[in-house]
PDB file of N, CA and C in Angstrom:
ATOM      1  N   UNK A   1       6.482   8.820 -17.151  1.00  0.00           N
ATOM      2  CA  UNK A   1       6.629   7.318 -17.812  1.00  0.00           C
ATOM      3  C   UNK A   1       5.854   6.670 -18.190  1.00  0.00           C
ATOM      4  N   UNK A   2       4.322   7.509 -18.025  1.00  0.00           N
ATOM      5  CA  UNK A   2       2.857   7.375 -19.271  1.00  0.00           C
ATOM      6  C   UNK A   2       3.666   7.351 -20.319  1.00  0.00           C
ATOM      7  N   UNK A   3       4.162   8.364 -20.819  1.00  0.00           N
ATOM      8  CA  UNK A   3       4.634   8.703 -22.512  1.00  0.00           C
ATOM      9  C   UNK A   3       5.165   7.319 -22.632  1.00  0.00           C
ATOM     10  N   UNK A   4       6.328   7.071 -21.802  1.00  0.00           N
ATOM     11  CA  UNK A   4       7.581   6.007 -22.693  1.00  0.00           C
ATOM     12  C   UNK A   4       6.662   4.720 -22.328  1.00  0.00           C
ATOM     13  N   UNK A   5       5.597   4.443 -21.760  1.00  0.00           N
ATOM     14  CA  UNK A   5       4.790   3.625 -22.017  1.00  0.00           C
ATOM     15  C   UNK A   5       3.842   3.482 -23.084  1.00  0.00           C
ATOM     16  N   UNK A   6       3.807   4.526 -23.183  1.00  0.00           N
ATOM     17  CA  UNK A   6       3.070   4.599 -24.815  1.00  0.00           C
ATOM     18  C   UNK A   6       4.025   4.891 -25.802  1.00  0.00           C
ATOM     19  N   UNK A   7       5.062   5.347 -26.071  1.00  0.00           N
ATOM     20  CA  UNK A   7       5.958   5.286 -27.100  1.00  0.00           C
ATOM     21  C   UNK A   7       6.424   3.398 -26.702  1.00  0.00           C
ATOM     22  N   UNK A   8       6.760   3.010 -25.900  1.00  0.00           N
ATOM     23  CA  UNK A   8       6.820   1.290 -25.666  1.00  0.00           C
ATOM     24  C   UNK A   8       5.609   0.801 -26.715  1.00  0.00           C
ATOM     25  N   UNK A   9       4.646   1.003 -25.966  1.00  0.00           N
ATOM     26  CA  UNK A   9       3.583  -0.308 -26.619  1.00  0.00           C
ATOM     27  C   UNK A   9       3.762   0.532 -28.529  1.00  0.00           C
ATOM     28  N   UNK A  10       3.612   1.655 -28.741  1.00  0.00           N
ATOM     29  CA  UNK A  10       4.057   1.904 -30.233  1.00  0.00           C
ATOM     30  C   UNK A  10       5.191   1.413 -30.689  1.00  0.00           C
ATOM     31  N   UNK A  11       6.302   1.315 -30.482  1.00  0.00           N
ATOM     32  CA  UNK A  11       7.178   0.758 -31.325  1.00  0.00           C
ATOM     33  C   UNK A  11       7.611  -0.403 -30.681  1.00  0.00           C
ATOM     34  N   UNK A  12       7.403  -0.853 -29.939  1.00  0.00           N
ATOM     35  CA  UNK A  12       7.771  -2.470 -29.252  1.00  0.00           C
ATOM     36  C   UNK A  12       6.667  -2.930 -29.208  1.00  0.00           C
ATOM     37  N   UNK A  13       5.729  -3.002 -29.104  1.00  0.00           N
ATOM     38  CA  UNK A  13       4.309  -3.561 -29.274  1.00  0.00           C
ATOM     39  C   UNK A  13       4.098  -3.931 -27.711  1.00  0.00           C
ATOM     40  N   UNK A  14       4.132  -2.844 -27.215  1.00  0.00           N
ATOM     41  CA  UNK A  14       4.081  -3.075 -25.027  1.00  0.00           C
ATOM     42  C   UNK A  14       5.164  -3.882 -24.530  1.00  0.00           C
ATOM     43  N   UNK A  15       6.387  -4.412 -24.868  1.00  0.00           N
ATOM     44  CA  UNK A  15       7.137  -5.332 -24.378  1.00  0.00           C
ATOM     45  C   UNK A  15       7.691  -4.849 -22.425  1.00  0.00           C
ATOM     46  N   UNK A  16       7.183  -5.462 -21.762  1.00  0.00           N
ATOM     47  CA  UNK A  16       7.469  -5.112 -20.330  1.00  0.00           C
ATOM     48  C   UNK A  16       8.939  -5.031 -19.680  1.00  0.00           C
ATOM     49  N   UNK A  17       9.756  -5.674 -20.666  1.00  0.00           N
ATOM     50  CA  UNK A  17      11.188  -5.585 -20.710  1.00  0.00           C
ATOM     51  C   UNK A  17      11.834  -4.555 -21.144  1.00  0.00           C
ATOM     52  N   UNK A  18      11.640  -3.856 -22.225  1.00  0.00           N
ATOM     53  CA  UNK A  18      11.534  -2.693 -22.427  1.00  0.00           C
ATOM     54  C   UNK A  18      11.454  -1.384 -21.663  1.00  0.00           C
ATOM     55  N   UNK A  19       9.912  -1.615 -21.379  1.00  0.00           N
ATOM     56  CA  UNK A  19       9.970  -0.314 -20.318  1.00  0.00           C
ATOM     57  C   UNK A  19      10.539  -0.926 -19.477  1.00  0.00           C
ATOM     58  N   UNK A  20      11.061  -2.157 -18.450  1.00  0.00           N
ATOM     59  CA  UNK A  20      11.546  -1.656 -16.753  1.00  0.00           C
ATOM     60  C   UNK A  20      13.058  -1.255 -17.571  1.00  0.00           C
ATOM     61  N   UNK A  21      13.716  -1.795 -18.992  1.00  0.00           N
ATOM     62  CA  UNK A  21      14.578  -0.942 -19.050  1.00  0.00           C
ATOM     63  C   UNK A  21      14.415   0.426 -18.942  1.00  0.00           C
ATOM     64  N   UNK A  22      13.310   1.034 -19.748  1.00  0.00           N
ATOM     65  CA  UNK A  22      13.568   2.483 -19.705  1.00  0.00           C
ATOM     66  C   UNK A  22      13.055   3.000 -18.376  1.00  0.00           C
ATOM     67  N   UNK A  23      12.759   2.321 -17.247  1.00  0.00           N
ATOM     68  CA  UNK A  23      12.421   3.035 -15.985  1.00  0.00           C
ATOM     69  C   UNK A  23      13.765   3.425 -15.290  1.00  0.00           C
ATOM     70  N   UNK A  24      14.704   2.536 -15.709  1.00  0.00           N
ATOM     71  CA  UNK A  24      15.924   2.756 -14.763  1.00  0.00           C
ATOM     72  C   UNK A  24      16.472   4.097 -15.263  1.00  0.00           C
ATOM     73  N   UNK A  25      16.726   4.375 -16.262  1.00  0.00           N
ATOM     74  CA  UNK A  25      17.280   5.937 -16.165  1.00  0.00           C
ATOM     75  C   UNK A  25      16.548   6.752 -15.833  1.00  0.00           C
ATOM     76  N   UNK A  26      15.245   6.760 -16.253  1.00  0.00           N
ATOM     77  CA  UNK A  26      14.276   7.593 -15.364  1.00  0.00           C
ATOM     78  C   UNK A  26      14.441   7.784 -13.822  1.00  0.00           C
ATOM     79  N   UNK A  27      14.365   6.669 -13.091  1.00  0.00           N
ATOM     80  CA  UNK A  27      14.430   7.077 -11.659  1.00  0.00           C
ATOM     81  C   UNK A  27      16.126   7.645 -11.390  1.00  0.00           C
ATOM     82  N   UNK A  28      17.448   6.966 -12.075  1.00  0.00           N
ATOM     83  CA  UNK A  28      18.440   8.076 -12.098  1.00  0.00           C
ATOM     84  C   UNK A  28      18.350   8.876 -12.355  1.00  0.00           C
ATOM     85  N   UNK A  29      17.779   9.694 -13.297  1.00  0.00           N
ATOM     86  CA  UNK A  29      17.647  10.906 -13.711  1.00  0.00           C
ATOM     87  C   UNK A  29      16.830  11.991 -12.682  1.00  0.00           C
ATOM     88  N   UNK A  30      15.478  11.468 -12.109  1.00  0.00           N
ATOM     89  CA  UNK A  30      14.593  11.879 -11.146  1.00  0.00           C
ATOM     90  C   UNK A  30      15.501  12.373  -9.839  1.00  0.00           C
ATOM     91  N   UNK A  31      16.155  11.098  -9.416  1.00  0.00           N
ATOM     92  CA  UNK A  31      16.673  11.047  -8.140  1.00  0.00           C
ATOM     93  C   UNK A  31      17.859  12.488  -8.438  1.00  0.00           C
ATOM     94  N   UNK A  32      18.596  12.402  -9.592  1.00  0.00           N
ATOM     95  CA  UNK A  32      19.605  13.625  -9.808  1.00  0.00           C
ATOM     96  C   UNK A  32      19.254  14.706  -9.792  1.00  0.00           C
ATOM     97  N   UNK A  33      17.744  15.239 -10.880  1.00  0.00           N
ATOM     98  CA  UNK A  33      17.260  16.303 -10.910  1.00  0.00           C
ATOM     99  C   UNK A  33      16.772  17.201  -9.591  1.00  0.00           C
ATOM    100  N   UNK A  34      16.346  16.328  -8.956  1.00  0.00           N
ATOM    101  CA  UNK A  34      15.059  16.933  -7.553  1.00  0.00           C
ATOM    102  C   UNK A  34      15.670  17.877  -6.677  1.00  0.00           C
ATOM    103  N   UNK A  35      14.771  18.897  -6.799  1.00  0.00           N
ATOM    104  CA  UNK A  35      15.542  19.766  -5.925  1.00  0.00           C
ATOM    105  C   UNK A  35      16.064  19.210  -4.562  1.00  0.00           C
ATOM    106  N   UNK A  36      17.259  20.232  -3.825  1.00  0.00           N
ATOM    107  CA  UNK A  36      17.665  19.360  -2.428  1.00  0.00           C
ATOM    108  C   UNK A  36      16.419  19.278  -1.303  1.00  0.00           C
ATOM    109  N   UNK A  37      15.270  20.354  -1.302  1.00  0.00           N
ATOM    110  CA  UNK A  37      14.559  20.158  -0.211  1.00  0.00           C
ATOM    111  C   UNK A  37      13.689  18.966  -0.313  1.00  0.00           C
ATOM    112  N   UNK A  38      13.185  18.082  -1.655  1.00  0.00           N
ATOM    113  CA  UNK A  38      12.736  17.725  -2.001  1.00  0.00           C
ATOM    114  C   UNK A  38      13.234  15.964  -2.467  1.00  0.00           C
ATOM    115  N   UNK A  39      14.508  16.198  -2.192  1.00  0.00           N
ATOM    116  CA  UNK A  39      14.690  14.750  -2.244  1.00  0.00           C
ATOM    117  C   UNK A  39      14.691  13.458  -1.752  1.00  0.00           C
ATOM    118  N   UNK A  40      14.400  13.839  -0.905  1.00  0.00           N
ATOM    119  CA  UNK A  40      13.758  12.369  -0.590  1.00  0.00           C
ATOM    120  C   UNK A  40      12.368  12.052  -0.628  1.00  0.00           C
ATOM    121  N   UNK A  41      11.880  12.708  -1.700  1.00  0.00           N
ATOM    122  CA  UNK A  41      10.285  12.653  -2.119  1.00  0.00           C
ATOM    123  C   UNK A  41      10.427  11.635  -4.069  1.00  0.00           C
ATOM    124  N   UNK A  42      12.065  11.289  -4.013  1.00  0.00           N
ATOM    125  CA  UNK A  42      12.409  10.537  -5.174  1.00  0.00           C
ATOM    126  C   UNK A  42      11.790   9.153  -5.364  1.00  0.00           C
ATOM    127  N   UNK A  43      12.378   8.343  -4.410  1.00  0.00           N
ATOM    128  CA  UNK A  43      12.213   7.174  -4.090  1.00  0.00           C
ATOM    129  C   UNK A  43      10.542   6.466  -3.846  1.00  0.00           C
ATOM    130  N   UNK A  44       9.744   7.710  -3.484  1.00  0.00           N
ATOM    131  CA  UNK A  44       8.209   7.542  -3.574  1.00  0.00           C
ATOM    132  C   UNK A  44       7.797   8.218  -4.578  1.00  0.00           C
ATOM    133  N   UNK A  45       8.022   8.647  -5.139  1.00  0.00           N
ATOM    134  CA  UNK A  45       7.194   9.208  -6.656  1.00  0.00           C
ATOM    135  C   UNK A  45       7.667   7.911  -7.535  1.00  0.00           C
ATOM    136  N   UNK A  46       8.623   7.074  -7.926  1.00  0.00           N
ATOM    137  CA  UNK A  46       9.404   6.306  -8.982  1.00  0.00           C
ATOM    138  C   UNK A  46       8.304   4.879  -8.570  1.00  0.00           C
ATOM    139  N   UNK A  47       7.622   4.232  -8.020  1.00  0.00           N
ATOM    140  CA  UNK A  47       6.944   3.648  -7.994  1.00  0.00           C
ATOM    141  C   UNK A  47       5.406   3.722  -8.548  1.00  0.00           C
ATOM    142  N   UNK A  48       5.003   5.109  -7.865  1.00  0.00           N
ATOM    143  CA  UNK A  48       3.965   5.195  -8.431  1.00  0.00           C
ATOM    144  C   UNK A  48       3.876   5.698 -10.121  1.00  0.00           C
ATOM    145  N   UNK A  49       4.910   6.500 -10.443  1.00  0.00           N
ATOM    146  CA  UNK A  49       5.043   6.639 -11.890  1.00  0.00           C
ATOM    147  C   UNK A  49       5.124   5.596 -12.854  1.00  0.00           C
ATOM    148  N   UNK A  50       5.702   4.155 -11.980  1.00  0.00           N
ATOM    149  CA  UNK A  50       5.809   2.594 -12.570  1.00  0.00           C
ATOM    150  C   UNK A  50       4.976   2.503 -12.708  1.00  0.00           C
ATOM    151  N   UNK A  51       3.764   2.432 -12.078  1.00  0.00           N
ATOM    152  CA  UNK A  51       2.411   1.360 -11.819  1.00  0.00           C
ATOM    153  C   UNK A  51       1.684   2.565 -13.321  1.00  0.00           C
ATOM    154  N   UNK A  52       2.036   3.974 -13.207  1.00  0.00           N
ATOM    155  CA  UNK A  52       0.774   4.849 -13.980  1.00  0.00           C
ATOM    156  C   UNK A  52       1.467   4.626 -15.738  1.00  0.00           C
ATOM    157  N   UNK A  53       2.686   4.363 -15.311  1.00  0.00           N
ATOM    158  CA  UNK A  53       3.074   4.302 -17.338  1.00  0.00           C
ATOM    159  C   UNK A  53       3.534   3.130 -17.487  1.00  0.00           C
ATOM    160  N   UNK A  54       2.532   2.005 -16.449  1.00  0.00           N
ATOM    161  CA  UNK A  54       2.406   0.668 -17.206  1.00  0.00           C
ATOM    162  C   UNK A  54       1.029   0.277 -17.741  1.00  0.00           C
ATOM    163  N   UNK A  55       0.664   1.544 -17.145  1.00  0.00           N
ATOM    164  CA  UNK A  55      -1.301   1.092 -17.897  1.00  0.00           C
ATOM    165  C   UNK A  55      -1.038   0.973 -19.639  1.00  0.00           C
ATOM    166  N   UNK A  56      -0.172   1.446 -19.970  1.00  0.00           N
ATOM    167  CA  UNK A  56      -0.073   1.560 -21.787  1.00  0.00           C
ATOM    168  C   UNK A  56       0.325   0.302 -22.256  1.00  0.00           C
ATOM    169  N   UNK A  57       1.104  -0.134 -20.918  1.00  0.00           N
ATOM    170  CA  UNK A  57       2.069  -1.847 -21.374  1.00  0.00           C
ATOM    171  C   UNK A  57       1.396  -2.830 -21.216  1.00  0.00           C
ATOM    172  N   UNK A  58       0.159  -2.873 -20.001  1.00  0.00           N
ATOM    173  CA  UNK A  58      -0.200  -3.779 -19.700  1.00  0.00           C
ATOM    174  C   UNK A  58      -0.727  -3.839 -20.186  1.00  0.00           C
ATOM    175  N   UNK A  59      -0.881  -5.390 -21.094  1.00  0.00           N
ATOM    176  CA  UNK A  59      -1.959  -6.264 -21.584  1.00  0.00           C
ATOM    177  C   UNK A  59      -2.964  -6.828 -20.670  1.00  0.00           C
ATOM    178  N   UNK A  60      -4.105  -6.806 -21.130  1.00  0.00           N
ATOM    179  CA  UNK A  60      -6.016  -7.138 -20.532  1.00  0.00           C
ATOM    180  C   UNK A  60      -6.821  -7.704 -21.803  1.00  0.00           C
ATOM    181  N   UNK A  61      -7.895  -7.856 -21.154  1.00  0.00           N
ATOM    182  CA  UNK A  61      -8.638  -8.110 -21.630  1.00  0.00           C
ATOM    183  C   UNK A  61      -9.322  -6.508 -21.616  1.00  0.00           C
ATOM    184  N   UNK A  62     -11.184  -7.044 -22.255  1.00  0.00           N
ATOM    185  CA  UNK A  62     -11.574  -6.260 -22.499  1.00  0.00           C
ATOM    186  C   UNK A  62     -12.327  -5.091 -21.772  1.00  0.00           C
ATOM    187  N   UNK A  63     -12.367  -3.585 -21.030  1.00  0.00           N
ATOM    188  CA  UNK A  63     -12.955  -2.707 -20.181  1.00  0.00           C
ATOM    189  C   UNK A  63     -12.097  -2.708 -19.582  1.00  0.00           C
ATOM    190  N   UNK A  64     -12.211  -1.812 -17.961  1.00  0.00           N
ATOM    191  CA  UNK A  64     -11.821  -1.286 -17.088  1.00  0.00           C
ATOM    192  C   UNK A  64     -11.136  -3.019 -16.659  1.00  0.00           C
ATOM    193  N   UNK A  65     -11.617  -3.746 -16.201  1.00  0.00           N
ATOM    194  CA  UNK A  65     -11.482  -4.443 -15.265  1.00  0.00           C
ATOM    195  C   UNK A  65     -10.145  -5.299 -16.156  1.00  0.00           C
ATOM    196  N   UNK A  66     -10.769  -5.465 -17.323  1.00  0.00           N
ATOM    197  CA  UNK A  66      -9.243  -6.480 -18.157  1.00  0.00           C
ATOM    198  C   UNK A  66      -8.021  -5.695 -17.792  1.00  0.00           C
ATOM    199  N   UNK A  67      -8.039  -3.963 -18.118  1.00  0.00           N
ATOM    200  CA  UNK A  67      -6.800  -3.166 -17.551  1.00  0.00           C
ATOM    201  C   UNK A  67      -6.395  -3.192 -16.448  1.00  0.00           C
ATOM    202  N   UNK A  68      -7.140  -3.085 -15.329  1.00  0.00           N
ATOM    203  CA  UNK A  68      -6.869  -3.458 -13.866  1.00  0.00           C
ATOM    204  C   UNK A  68      -5.809  -4.643 -13.939  1.00  0.00           C
ATOM    205  N   UNK A  69      -6.609  -5.906 -14.575  1.00  0.00           N
ATOM    206  CA  UNK A  69      -6.033  -7.335 -13.642  1.00  0.00           C
ATOM    207  C   UNK A  69      -4.048  -7.439 -14.669  1.00  0.00           C
ATOM    208  N   UNK A  70      -4.428  -6.874 -15.685  1.00  0.00           N
ATOM    209  CA  UNK A  70      -3.127  -6.339 -16.592  1.00  0.00           C
ATOM    210  C   UNK A  70      -2.177  -5.875 -15.800  1.00  0.00           C
ATOM    211  N   UNK A  71      -2.859  -4.447 -15.185  1.00  0.00           N
ATOM    212  CA  UNK A  71      -1.754  -3.948 -14.274  1.00  0.00           C
ATOM    213  C   UNK A  71      -0.996  -4.418 -12.966  1.00  0.00           C
ATOM    214  N   UNK A  72      -2.113  -4.953 -12.362  1.00  0.00           N
ATOM    215  CA  UNK A  72      -1.845  -6.323 -11.526  1.00  0.00           C
ATOM    216  C   UNK A  72      -0.787  -7.031 -11.719  1.00  0.00           C
ATOM    217  N   UNK A  73      -1.270  -7.712 -12.940  1.00  0.00           N
ATOM    218  CA  UNK A  73      -0.045  -8.748 -13.496  1.00  0.00           C
ATOM    219  C   UNK A  73       1.151  -8.294 -13.704  1.00  0.00           C
ATOM    220  N   UNK A  74       1.489  -7.327 -14.557  1.00  0.00           N
ATOM    221  CA  UNK A  74       2.442  -6.316 -15.131  1.00  0.00           C
ATOM    222  C   UNK A  74       2.629  -6.003 -13.818  1.00  0.00           C
ATOM    223  N   UNK A  75       2.531  -5.718 -12.644  1.00  0.00           N
ATOM    224  CA  UNK A  75       3.658  -5.184 -11.218  1.00  0.00           C
ATOM    225  C   UNK A  75       4.114  -6.076 -10.476  1.00  0.00           C
ATOM    226  N   UNK A  76       3.430  -7.544 -10.836  1.00  0.00           N
ATOM    227  CA  UNK A  76       3.823  -8.366 -10.009  1.00  0.00           C
ATOM    228  C   UNK A  76       4.726  -9.022 -10.934  1.00  0.00           C
ATOM    229  N   UNK A  77       4.586  -9.009 -11.839  1.00  0.00           N
ATOM    230  CA  UNK A  77       6.070  -9.910 -12.970  1.00  0.00           C
ATOM    231  C   UNK A  77       6.945  -8.593 -13.221  1.00  0.00           C
ATOM    232  N   UNK A  78       6.877  -7.426 -12.824  1.00  0.00           N
ATOM    233  CA  UNK A  78       7.909  -6.857 -13.569  1.00  0.00           C
ATOM    234  C   UNK A  78       8.397  -6.582 -12.043  1.00  0.00           C
ATOM    235  N   UNK A  79       8.292  -6.910 -11.154  1.00  0.00           N
ATOM    236  CA  UNK A  79       8.294  -6.347  -9.762  1.00  0.00           C
ATOM    237  C   UNK A  79      10.145  -5.742  -9.199  1.00  0.00           C
ATOM    238  N   UNK A  80      10.756  -6.830 -10.625  1.00  0.00           N
ATOM    239  CA  UNK A  80      12.631  -6.565 -10.752  1.00  0.00           C
ATOM    240  C   UNK A  80      12.589  -5.472 -10.695  1.00  0.00           C
ATOM    241  N   UNK A  81      12.014  -4.369 -12.177  1.00  0.00           N
ATOM    242  CA  UNK A  81      12.888  -3.643 -12.377  1.00  0.00           C
ATOM    243  C   UNK A  81      12.441  -2.300 -11.700  1.00  0.00           C
ATOM    244  N   UNK A  82      11.137  -2.728 -10.718  1.00  0.00           N
ATOM    245  CA  UNK A  82      10.801  -1.859 -10.136  1.00  0.00           C
ATOM    246  C   UNK A  82      10.900  -1.072  -8.776  1.00  0.00           C
ATOM    247  N   UNK A  83      12.035  -2.979  -8.142  1.00  0.00           N
ATOM    248  CA  UNK A  83      12.957  -2.787  -6.824  1.00  0.00           C
ATOM    249  C   UNK A  83      14.068  -1.667  -7.747  1.00  0.00           C
ATOM    250  N   UNK A  84      14.803  -2.549  -8.930  1.00  0.00           N
ATOM    251  CA  UNK A  84      15.933  -1.969  -8.701  1.00  0.00           C
ATOM    252  C   UNK A  84      15.874  -0.360  -9.092  1.00  0.00           C
ATOM    253  N   UNK A  85      14.742   0.072  -9.891  1.00  0.00           N
ATOM    254  CA  UNK A  85      15.332   1.513 -10.024  1.00  0.00           C
ATOM    255  C   UNK A  85      14.782   2.276  -9.004  1.00  0.00           C
ATOM    256  N   UNK A  86      14.093   2.037  -8.488  1.00  0.00           N
ATOM    257  CA  UNK A  86      13.529   2.453  -6.782  1.00  0.00           C
ATOM    258  C   UNK A  86      14.277   2.387  -5.888  1.00  0.00           C
ATOM    259  N   UNK A  87      15.504   1.487  -6.133  1.00  0.00           N
ATOM    260  CA  UNK A  87      16.822   1.113  -4.758  1.00  0.00           C
ATOM    261  C   UNK A  87      17.322   2.128  -5.664  1.00  0.00           C
ATOM    262  N   UNK A  88      17.851   2.413  -6.513  1.00  0.00           N
ATOM    263  CA  UNK A  88      18.980   3.159  -7.453  1.00  0.00           C
ATOM    264  C   UNK A  88      18.544   4.261  -7.204  1.00  0.00           C
ATOM    265  N   UNK A  89      16.935   5.226  -7.067  1.00  0.00           N
ATOM    266  CA  UNK A  89      16.851   6.121  -6.505  1.00  0.00           C
ATOM    267  C   UNK A  89      16.621   6.519  -4.819  1.00  0.00           C
ATOM    268  N   UNK A  90      16.445   5.790  -4.582  1.00  0.00           N
ATOM    269  CA  UNK A  90      16.662   6.103  -2.697  1.00  0.00           C
ATOM    270  C   UNK A  90      18.295   5.598  -2.590  1.00  0.00           C
ATOM    271  N   UNK A  91      19.316   4.949  -3.057  1.00  0.00           N
ATOM    272  CA  UNK A  91      20.545   5.191  -3.032  1.00  0.00           C
ATOM    273  C   UNK A  91      21.623   6.571  -3.215  1.00  0.00           C
ATOM    274  N   UNK A  92      20.873   7.022  -4.682  1.00  0.00           N
ATOM    275  CA  UNK A  92      21.497   8.416  -5.186  1.00  0.00           C
ATOM    276  C   UNK A  92      20.497   9.563  -4.461  1.00  0.00           C
ATOM    277  N   UNK A  93      19.639   9.262  -3.706  1.00  0.00           N
ATOM    278  CA  UNK A  93      19.180  10.342  -2.806  1.00  0.00           C
ATOM    279  C   UNK A  93      19.613  10.540  -1.362  1.00  0.00           C
ATOM    280  N   UNK A  94      19.728   9.308  -1.154  1.00  0.00           N
ATOM    281  CA  UNK A  94      20.334   9.056   0.566  1.00  0.00           C
ATOM    282  C   UNK A  94      21.954   9.473   0.208  1.00  0.00           C
ATOM    283  N   UNK A  95      22.123   9.675  -0.747  1.00  0.00           N
ATOM    284  CA  UNK A  95      23.940  10.085  -0.830  1.00  0.00           C
ATOM    285  C   UNK A  95      23.999  11.453  -0.544  1.00  0.00           C
ATOM    286  N   UNK A  96      23.099  11.879  -1.884  1.00  0.00           N
ATOM    287  CA  UNK A  96      23.033  13.622  -2.033  1.00  0.00           C
ATOM    288  C   UNK A  96      22.352  14.094  -0.479  1.00  0.00           C
ATOM    289  N   UNK A  97      21.759  13.822   0.006  1.00  0.00           N
ATOM    290  CA  UNK A  97      21.154  14.557   0.968  1.00  0.00           C
ATOM    291  C   UNK A  97      21.976  14.045   2.271  1.00  0.00           C
ATOM    292  N   UNK A  98      22.808  12.909   2.478  1.00  0.00           N
ATOM    293  CA  UNK A  98      24.600  13.258   3.483  1.00  0.00           C
ATOM    294  C   UNK A  98      24.982  14.333   2.622  1.00  0.00           C
ATOM    295  N   UNK A  99      25.352  14.307   2.042  1.00  0.00           N
ATOM    296  CA  UNK A  99      26.604  15.256   1.432  1.00  0.00           C
ATOM    297  C   UNK A  99      25.671  16.781   1.494  1.00  0.00           C
ATOM    298  N   UNK A 100      24.213  17.211   1.527  1.00  0.00           N
ATOM    299  CA  UNK A 100      23.845  18.588   1.623  1.00  0.00           C
ATOM    300  C   UNK A 100      24.061  18.659   3.065  1.00  0.00           C
ATOM    301  N   UNK A 101      23.659  17.427   3.908  1.00  0.00           N
ATOM    302  CA  UNK A 101      24.059  18.283   5.551  1.00  0.00           C
ATOM    303  C   UNK A 101      24.983  18.158   6.238  1.00  0.00           C
ATOM    304  N   UNK A 102      26.145  17.687   5.238  1.00  0.00           N
ATOM    305  CA  UNK A 102      27.485  18.126   5.785  1.00  0.00           C
ATOM    306  C   UNK A 102      28.023  19.418   5.470  1.00  0.00           C
ATOM    307  N   UNK A 103      26.917  19.555   4.099  1.00  0.00           N
ATOM    308  CA  UNK A 103      28.153  21.093   3.889  1.00  0.00           C
ATOM    309  C   UNK A 103      26.903  21.897   4.537  1.00  0.00           C
ATOM    310  N   UNK A 104      25.943  22.023   4.995  1.00  0.00           N
ATOM    311  CA  UNK A 104      25.307  22.777   5.799  1.00  0.00           C
ATOM    312  C   UNK A 104      26.088  23.039   7.456  1.00  0.00           C
ATOM    313  N   UNK A 105      26.745  21.849   7.583  1.00  0.00           N
ATOM    314  CA  UNK A 105      27.022  21.712   8.788  1.00  0.00           C
ATOM    315  C   UNK A 105      28.329  22.397   8.615  1.00  0.00           C
ATOM    316  N   UNK A 106      29.294  22.346   7.371  1.00  0.00           N
ATOM    317  CA  UNK A 106      30.623  23.034   7.384  1.00  0.00           C
ATOM    318  C   UNK A 106      30.536  24.302   6.901  1.00  0.00           C
ATOM    319  N   UNK A 107      29.278  25.131   6.644  1.00  0.00           N
ATOM    320  CA  UNK A 107      29.459  26.352   6.391  1.00  0.00           C
ATOM    321  C   UNK A 107      28.924  27.146   7.963  1.00  0.00           C
ATOM    322  N   UNK A 108      27.386  26.138   8.627  1.00  0.00           N
ATOM    323  CA  UNK A 108      27.006  27.029   9.855  1.00  0.00           C
ATOM    324  C   UNK A 108      27.784  26.404  10.983  1.00  0.00           C
TER     325      UNK A 108
END
């Protein structure tokens, strides 16, 4: 997500909407690619990755305090993308987990 944030800043002038749109497929792919044993960690990692990737996109004044204020503002204004991506990852991993548990019960 950090690399996508840097790419967004480079190509689209740090557009939060573009960053949010890019976040959704990353969440889906993360939920699909994570190992079966770690499947429940995908919805936890998604918001952390969103915040880290938002650093280059966040508009802020000079220095660290300005950047942190931009990050907090970005998290507040882009909460819909954050919740949507986390919800998508959560639903996918729950379905994967249920299927995995059912397959184990059939075998054992």
